[in-house]
Amino acid sequence: MLRDNDALIDGTDLFAKVRQQVRLNAEQTPQYQNIRMAGHEVGGDFLFVRRR
């Protein structure tokens, strides 16, 4: 998935693309949300850019 990405992709979009496969292959239901009590500001996200 990330290898085929030619643009900027954020963590929310990546999560949306892999969520169903994780649900089908694990006993847990994945969630994408802020980690409580982590000591960081609310509202940040990961950004993924393919290196060339």
N, C-alpha and C. Protein backbone atom coordinates (compact mmCIF):
# COMPACT_ATOMS: atom_id res chain seq x y z
N MET A 1 0.82 -1.18 0.00
CA MET A 1 0.00 0.00 0.00
C MET A 1 0.87 1.26 0.00
N LEU A 2 1.78 1.36 0.95
CA LEU A 2 2.63 2.56 0.99
C LEU A 2 3.60 2.59 -0.18
N ARG A 3 4.05 1.45 -0.64
CA ARG A 3 4.97 1.41 -1.78
C ARG A 3 4.33 1.93 -3.05
N ASP A 4 3.04 1.74 -3.18
CA ASP A 4 2.33 2.18 -4.39
C ASP A 4 1.84 3.62 -4.30
N ASN A 5 2.02 4.24 -3.16
CA ASN A 5 1.52 5.60 -2.95
C ASN A 5 2.45 6.62 -3.61
N ASP A 6 1.89 7.45 -4.48
CA ASP A 6 2.69 8.48 -5.15
C ASP A 6 2.41 9.86 -4.60
N ALA A 7 1.56 9.97 -3.61
CA ALA A 7 1.19 11.27 -3.07
C ALA A 7 1.38 11.26 -1.56
N LEU A 8 1.02 12.32 -0.93
CA LEU A 8 1.03 12.42 0.51
C LEU A 8 -0.19 11.68 1.04
N ILE A 9 0.01 10.85 2.05
CA ILE A 9 -1.11 10.15 2.67
C ILE A 9 -0.99 10.36 4.18
N ASP A 10 -2.09 10.67 4.82
CA ASP A 10 -2.04 10.87 6.27
C ASP A 10 -2.49 9.59 6.99
N GLY A 11 -2.28 9.57 8.28
CA GLY A 11 -2.60 8.38 9.07
C GLY A 11 -4.06 7.99 9.02
N THR A 12 -4.93 8.97 8.94
CA THR A 12 -6.37 8.70 8.87
C THR A 12 -6.71 7.95 7.58
N ASP A 13 -6.16 8.40 6.46
CA ASP A 13 -6.42 7.73 5.18
C ASP A 13 -5.81 6.33 5.15
N LEU A 14 -4.61 6.19 5.68
CA LEU A 14 -3.97 4.88 5.72
C LEU A 14 -4.78 3.92 6.58
N PHE A 15 -5.23 4.38 7.72
CA PHE A 15 -6.06 3.55 8.60
C PHE A 15 -7.32 3.09 7.88
N ALA A 16 -7.97 3.99 7.17
CA ALA A 16 -9.19 3.63 6.46
C ALA A 16 -8.94 2.53 5.43
N LYS A 17 -7.76 2.53 4.83
CA LYS A 17 -7.44 1.53 3.80
C LYS A 17 -7.09 0.16 4.38
N VAL A 18 -6.54 0.11 5.59
CA VAL A 18 -6.13 -1.18 6.15
C VAL A 18 -7.08 -1.72 7.23
N ARG A 19 -8.01 -0.90 7.67
CA ARG A 19 -8.88 -1.27 8.79
C ARG A 19 -9.61 -2.60 8.57
N GLN A 20 -10.23 -2.78 7.44
CA GLN A 20 -11.02 -3.98 7.20
C GLN A 20 -10.15 -5.24 7.22
N GLN A 21 -8.97 -5.19 6.63
CA GLN A 21 -8.09 -6.36 6.64
C GLN A 21 -7.65 -6.71 8.06
N VAL A 22 -7.41 -5.70 8.88
CA VAL A 22 -7.05 -5.96 10.27
C VAL A 22 -8.23 -6.59 11.00
N ARG A 23 -9.41 -6.07 10.80
CA ARG A 23 -10.61 -6.62 11.47
C ARG A 23 -10.83 -8.08 11.09
N LEU A 24 -10.56 -8.43 9.85
CA LEU A 24 -10.78 -9.80 9.40
C LEU A 24 -9.72 -10.77 9.89
N ASN A 25 -8.55 -10.27 10.27
CA ASN A 25 -7.43 -11.14 10.62
C ASN A 25 -6.96 -11.00 12.07
N ALA A 26 -7.73 -10.34 12.90
CA ALA A 26 -7.34 -10.17 14.30
C ALA A 26 -8.57 -10.27 15.19
N GLU A 27 -8.33 -10.53 16.45
CA GLU A 27 -9.43 -10.63 17.40
C GLU A 27 -9.82 -9.28 17.96
N GLN A 28 -9.15 -8.22 17.53
CA GLN A 28 -9.43 -6.88 18.01
C GLN A 28 -10.03 -6.04 16.91
N THR A 29 -10.75 -5.01 17.29
CA THR A 29 -11.27 -4.04 16.34
C THR A 29 -10.40 -2.80 16.42
N PRO A 30 -9.68 -2.47 15.35
CA PRO A 30 -8.78 -1.31 15.41
C PRO A 30 -9.53 0.01 15.51
N GLN A 31 -8.92 0.95 16.20
CA GLN A 31 -9.47 2.29 16.33
C GLN A 31 -8.35 3.29 16.05
N TYR A 32 -8.69 4.40 15.44
CA TYR A 32 -7.72 5.45 15.18
C TYR A 32 -8.17 6.68 15.94
N GLN A 33 -7.46 6.99 17.00
CA GLN A 33 -7.84 8.12 17.83
C GLN A 33 -6.63 8.59 18.62
N ASN A 34 -6.77 9.70 19.31
CA ASN A 34 -5.70 10.22 20.14
C ASN A 34 -5.40 9.24 21.27
N ILE A 35 -4.13 9.15 21.64
CA ILE A 35 -3.73 8.31 22.76
C ILE A 35 -3.84 9.15 24.02
N ARG A 36 -4.68 8.74 24.91
CA ARG A 36 -4.90 9.49 26.15
C ARG A 36 -3.65 9.47 27.03
N MET A 37 -3.42 10.56 27.72
CA MET A 37 -2.33 10.69 28.69
C MET A 37 -0.95 10.49 28.05
N ALA A 38 -0.81 10.81 26.76
CA ALA A 38 0.46 10.61 26.06
C ALA A 38 1.37 11.83 26.15
N GLY A 39 0.83 12.97 26.59
CA GLY A 39 1.65 14.15 26.74
C GLY A 39 1.89 14.91 25.45
N HIS A 40 1.03 14.74 24.47
CA HIS A 40 1.18 15.48 23.22
C HIS A 40 -0.07 16.31 22.96
N GLU A 41 0.04 17.23 22.02
CA GLU A 41 -1.11 18.06 21.70
C GLU A 41 -2.14 17.28 20.90
N VAL A 42 -3.39 17.57 21.13
CA VAL A 42 -4.49 16.90 20.42
C VAL A 42 -4.57 17.46 19.01
N GLY A 43 -4.81 16.61 18.03
CA GLY A 43 -5.05 17.06 16.67
C GLY A 43 -3.93 16.77 15.69
N GLY A 44 -2.83 16.22 16.12
CA GLY A 44 -1.74 15.89 15.20
C GLY A 44 -2.03 14.62 14.42
N ASP A 45 -1.27 14.39 13.39
CA ASP A 45 -1.44 13.18 12.59
C ASP A 45 -0.11 12.82 11.97
N PHE A 46 0.03 11.58 11.54
CA PHE A 46 1.22 11.13 10.83
C PHE A 46 1.04 11.43 9.35
N LEU A 47 2.13 11.77 8.69
CA LEU A 47 2.12 11.98 7.25
C LEU A 47 3.14 11.03 6.62
N PHE A 48 2.73 10.38 5.54
CA PHE A 48 3.59 9.42 4.86
C PHE A 48 3.86 9.89 3.44
N VAL A 49 5.14 9.95 3.08
CA VAL A 49 5.54 10.37 1.74
C VAL A 49 6.56 9.33 1.26
N ARG A 50 6.37 8.82 0.08
CA ARG A 50 7.29 7.82 -0.44
C ARG A 50 8.60 8.47 -0.84
N ARG A 51 9.70 7.88 -0.39
CA ARG A 51 11.02 8.34 -0.81
C ARG A 51 11.32 7.82 -2.18
N ARG A 52 12.02 8.61 -2.93
CA ARG A 52 12.40 8.17 -4.29
C ARG A 52 13.87 7.92 -4.38
